[in-house]
Amino acid sequence: MTPMKEVEYLSTGVSSSQDNWDNHNSLPTNTNPHYLKVIQKIEELKKKVDIEIAIAEREGRIATPVEIKEKIETKVPKLLVKNLRK
């Protein structure tokens, strides 16, 4: 029996109807009214995940999906930090 793969999901902040979602590719269809926004958010999240994995590797450890999700979701948005400095 194959062990279950640990999975975590990161929210894009946009929902989609089944009609506007491609389950096979796990992406919105180009008919989705928020297509570009969702694609951009997915790419942004992928970059953040890659950064967290690289940091863990540099520290000689393995980053778990739960750890990565917590770090990405708890980072303070740059715009908020910029506004707080004013």
Protein backbone atom coordinates (compact mmCIF):
# COMPACT_ATOMS: atom_id res chain seq x y z
CA MET A 1 0.00 0.00 0.00
CA THR A 2 1.35 3.41 -1.00
CA PRO A 3 1.63 5.96 1.84
CA MET A 4 -0.71 8.93 1.60
CA LYS A 5 0.91 12.06 0.26
CA GLU A 6 0.75 15.06 2.59
CA VAL A 7 -1.25 17.82 0.89
CA GLU A 8 -1.97 21.40 1.89
CA TYR A 9 -3.96 23.97 -0.04
CA LEU A 10 -3.32 27.70 -0.31
CA SER A 11 -6.25 29.98 -1.03
CA THR A 12 -6.14 32.27 -4.05
CA GLY A 13 -8.94 34.33 -2.51
CA VAL A 14 -11.20 33.62 -5.50
CA SER A 15 -13.75 30.85 -5.86
CA SER A 16 -14.88 29.20 -9.07
CA SER A 17 -17.94 27.35 -10.26
CA GLN A 18 -17.47 23.81 -11.57
CA ASP A 19 -18.28 25.08 -15.08
CA ASN A 20 -15.28 27.42 -14.95
CA TRP A 21 -12.81 24.94 -13.47
CA ASP A 22 -10.66 22.36 -15.27
CA ASN A 23 -10.37 19.49 -12.78
CA HIS A 24 -7.96 17.57 -15.00
CA ASN A 25 -5.37 20.38 -14.91
CA SER A 26 -6.41 21.87 -11.53
CA LEU A 27 -6.69 25.30 -13.12
CA PRO A 28 -9.48 27.70 -14.04
CA THR A 29 -10.78 27.53 -17.58
CA ASN A 30 -10.19 30.60 -19.74
CA THR A 31 -13.96 31.23 -19.50
CA ASN A 32 -13.59 31.87 -15.76
CA PRO A 33 -14.34 35.56 -15.11
CA HIS A 34 -11.34 35.72 -12.75
CA TYR A 35 -9.03 33.67 -14.98
CA LEU A 36 -6.07 36.08 -15.06
CA LYS A 37 -6.34 36.93 -11.37
CA VAL A 38 -6.38 33.25 -10.37
CA ILE A 39 -3.49 32.34 -12.70
CA GLN A 40 -1.41 35.25 -11.37
CA LYS A 41 -2.15 34.27 -7.77
CA ILE A 42 -1.24 30.63 -8.44
CA GLU A 43 2.08 31.71 -9.98
CA GLU A 44 2.76 34.03 -7.03
CA LEU A 45 2.05 31.22 -4.56
CA LYS A 46 4.26 28.79 -6.49
CA LYS A 47 7.15 31.27 -6.30
CA LYS A 48 6.67 31.66 -2.55
CA VAL A 49 6.61 27.89 -2.08
CA ASP A 50 9.81 27.55 -4.12
CA ILE A 51 11.47 30.20 -1.94
CA GLU A 52 10.47 28.42 1.27
CA ILE A 53 11.77 25.11 -0.08
CA ALA A 54 15.07 26.75 -1.08
CA ILE A 55 15.45 28.31 2.38
CA ALA A 56 14.86 24.94 4.05
CA GLU A 57 17.35 23.22 1.74
CA ARG A 58 19.94 25.89 2.46
CA GLU A 59 19.39 25.24 6.18
CA GLY A 60 19.83 21.49 5.57
CA ARG A 61 16.28 20.48 6.40
CA ILE A 62 13.09 19.43 4.64
CA ALA A 63 10.15 21.84 4.73
CA THR A 64 6.80 20.15 5.24
CA PRO A 65 3.69 21.32 3.35
CA VAL A 66 2.15 22.44 6.66
CA GLU A 67 5.23 24.52 7.52
CA ILE A 68 5.32 26.10 4.08
CA LYS A 69 1.63 26.97 4.21
CA GLU A 70 1.96 28.53 7.67
CA LYS A 71 4.93 30.65 6.61
CA ILE A 72 3.29 31.87 3.42
CA GLU A 73 -0.04 32.65 5.04
CA THR A 74 1.44 34.49 8.02
CA LYS A 75 3.75 36.81 6.10
CA VAL A 76 2.71 40.46 6.43
CA PRO A 77 1.79 41.93 3.05
CA LYS A 78 4.36 44.50 1.85
CA LEU A 79 1.64 47.09 1.29
CA LEU A 80 0.59 46.84 4.94
CA VAL A 81 4.19 47.22 6.12
CA LYS A 82 4.65 50.23 3.83
CA ASN A 83 1.48 51.86 5.17
CA LEU A 84 2.54 51.25 8.77
CA ARG A 85 5.83 53.07 8.19
CA LYS A 86 4.11 56.31 7.15
